C-alpha atoms as a PDB file:
ATOM      1  CA  MET A   1     157.268 144.292 120.357  1.00  0.00           C
ATOM      2  CA  ARG A   2     160.042 146.847 119.952  1.00  0.00           C
ATOM      3  CA  HIS A   3     157.566 149.473 118.806  1.00  0.00           C
ATOM      4  CA  TRP A   4     155.483 148.977 121.921  1.00  0.00           C
ATOM      5  CA  ARG A   5     158.350 149.416 124.376  1.00  0.00           C
ATOM      6  CA  ALA A   6     160.563 152.056 122.810  1.00  0.00           C
ATOM      7  CA  GLY A   7     158.128 153.856 120.551  1.00  0.00           C
ATOM      8  CA  CYS A   8     157.825 154.005 116.819  1.00  0.00           C
ATOM      9  CA  PRO A   9     161.019 155.042 115.025  1.00  0.00           C
ATOM     10  CA  GLN A  10     159.054 156.184 111.972  1.00  0.00           C
ATOM     11  CA  THR A  11     156.699 158.578 113.752  1.00  0.00           C
ATOM     12  CA  GLY A  12     158.829 159.367 116.800  1.00  0.00           C
ATOM     13  CA  LYS A  13     155.913 158.755 119.167  1.00  0.00           C
ATOM     14  CA  SER A  14     156.667 157.204 122.515  1.00  0.00           C
ATOM     15  CA  GLY A  15     155.411 153.771 123.437  1.00  0.00           C
ATOM     16  CA  SER A  16     152.649 155.176 125.638  1.00  0.00           C
ATOM     17  CA  GLU A  17     151.087 157.316 122.907  1.00  0.00           C
ATOM     18  CA  GLY A  18     148.406 155.407 121.107  1.00  0.00           C
ATOM     19  CA  GLY A  19     148.610 152.595 123.620  1.00  0.00           C
ATOM     20  CA  ARG A  20     144.860 152.309 123.718  1.00  0.00           C
ATOM     21  CA  TRP A  21     144.772 151.472 120.002  1.00  0.00           C
ATOM     22  CA  LYS A  22     147.513 148.902 120.399  1.00  0.00           C
ATOM     23  CA  SER A  23     145.473 147.307 123.151  1.00  0.00           C
ATOM     24  CA  THR A  24     142.354 147.192 121.016  1.00  0.00           C
ATOM     25  CA  ASP A  25     144.418 145.586 118.267  1.00  0.00           C
ATOM     26  CA  LEU A  26     145.494 142.971 120.774  1.00  0.00           C
ATOM     27  CA  VAL A  27     141.863 142.396 121.768  1.00  0.00           C
ATOM     28  CA  GLY A  28     140.975 141.911 118.116  1.00  0.00           C
ATOM     29  CA  ARG A  29     143.643 139.266 117.866  1.00  0.00           C
ATOM     30  CA  GLN A  30     142.311 137.567 120.993  1.00  0.00           C
ATOM     31  CA  LEU A  31     138.811 137.532 119.523  1.00  0.00           C
ATOM     32  CA  ALA A  32     140.159 136.120 116.286  1.00  0.00           C
ATOM     33  CA  GLY A  33     141.991 133.477 118.318  1.00  0.00           C
ATOM     34  CA  GLY A  34     138.785 132.335 120.013  1.00  0.00           C
ATOM     35  CA  LEU A  35     136.723 132.157 116.832  1.00  0.00           C
ATOM     36  CA  PRO A  36     138.373 129.035 115.357  1.00  0.00           C
ATOM     37  CA  TYR A  37     137.662 127.068 118.531  1.00  0.00           C
ATOM     38  CA  TYR A  38     134.041 128.141 118.506  1.00  0.00           C
ATOM     39  CA  MET A  39     133.482 127.663 114.779  1.00  0.00           C
ATOM     40  CA  SER A  40     135.211 124.276 114.510  1.00  0.00           C
ATOM     41  CA  ALA A  41     133.690 122.795 117.651  1.00  0.00           C
ATOM     42  CA  ALA A  42     131.474 120.412 115.633  1.00  0.00           C
ATOM     43  CA  GLY A  43     129.096 120.039 118.547  1.00  0.00           C
ATOM     44  CA  SER A  44     131.757 119.555 121.209  1.00  0.00           C
ATOM     45  CA  PRO A  45     130.588 121.534 124.246  1.00  0.00           C
ATOM     46  CA  HIS A  46     134.143 121.772 125.611  1.00  0.00           C
ATOM     47  CA  GLN A  47     135.510 123.367 122.425  1.00  0.00           C
ATOM     48  CA  MET A  48     132.556 125.745 122.169  1.00  0.00           C
ATOM     49  CA  GLU A  49     133.009 126.817 125.776  1.00  0.00           C
ATOM     50  CA  ARG A  50     136.748 127.273 125.272  1.00  0.00           C
ATOM     51  CA  GLY A  51     136.214 129.571 122.286  1.00  0.00           C
ATOM     52  CA  LYS A  52     133.397 131.458 123.963  1.00  0.00           C
ATOM     53  CA  SER A  53     135.402 132.070 127.138  1.00  0.00           C
ATOM     54  CA  ALA A  54     138.363 133.370 125.103  1.00  0.00           C
ATOM     55  CA  MET A  55     136.107 135.858 123.316  1.00  0.00           C
ATOM     56  CA  VAL A  56     134.352 136.969 126.518  1.00  0.00           C
ATOM     57  CA  ASN A  57     137.707 137.480 128.243  1.00  0.00           C
ATOM     58  CA  ALA A  58     138.908 139.574 125.319  1.00  0.00           C
ATOM     59  CA  ILE A  59     135.833 141.804 125.503  1.00  0.00           C
ATOM     60  CA  GLY A  60     136.267 142.167 129.272  1.00  0.00           C
ATOM     61  CA  GLY A  61     139.877 143.164 128.737  1.00  0.00           C
ATOM     62  CA  LEU A  62     138.785 145.745 126.177  1.00  0.00           C
ATOM     63  CA  ALA A  63     136.382 147.264 128.705  1.00  0.00           C
ATOM     64  CA  ILE A  64     139.207 147.564 131.238  1.00  0.00           C
ATOM     65  CA  VAL A  65     141.566 149.121 128.701  1.00  0.00           C
ATOM     66  CA  LEU A  66     138.999 151.648 127.517  1.00  0.00           C
ATOM     67  CA  SER A  67     138.095 152.662 131.067  1.00  0.00           C
ATOM     68  CA  ALA A  68     141.684 152.753 132.407  1.00  0.00           C
ATOM     69  CA  ARG A  69     141.950 156.544 132.274  1.00  0.00           C
ATOM     70  CA  LEU A  70     138.643 156.906 134.123  1.00  0.00           C
ATOM     71  CA  ILE A  71     139.706 154.423 136.787  1.00  0.00           C
ATOM     72  CA  ALA A  72     143.088 156.148 137.230  1.00  0.00           C
ATOM     73  CA  GLY A  73     141.344 159.531 137.592  1.00  0.00           C
ATOM     74  CA  MET A  74     138.973 158.157 140.197  1.00  0.00           C
ATOM     75  CA  ILE A  75     141.868 156.722 142.222  1.00  0.00           C
ATOM     76  CA  GLN A  76     143.830 159.958 141.938  1.00  0.00           C
ATOM     77  CA  THR A  77     140.836 161.996 143.106  1.00  0.00           C
ATOM     78  CA  ALA A  78     140.221 159.610 146.007  1.00  0.00           C
ATOM     79  CA  LEU A  79     143.837 159.991 147.115  1.00  0.00           C
ATOM     80  CA  GLY A  80     143.545 163.761 146.936  1.00  0.00           C
ATOM     81  CA  GLY A  81     145.914 164.298 144.044  1.00  0.00           C
ATOM     82  CA  GLY A  82     143.607 165.926 141.567  1.00  0.00           C
END
């Protein structure tokens, strides 16, 4: 977590640089976290739904992260700042 907040001491990059890739890494971990529930459900609808909802939420979060710059630009333009 230290690398995310203060930046990487090896490369000298700040915590905000490359933040999109860190977010996609986090989404990958969320997807990987939902897979065991889905794969080991053994016919249990509750477990299948739990795994599926975790994976869908991760993909939705990825869409928000990837479009964050676009959304921020739209808000800035609407407020007259750019």
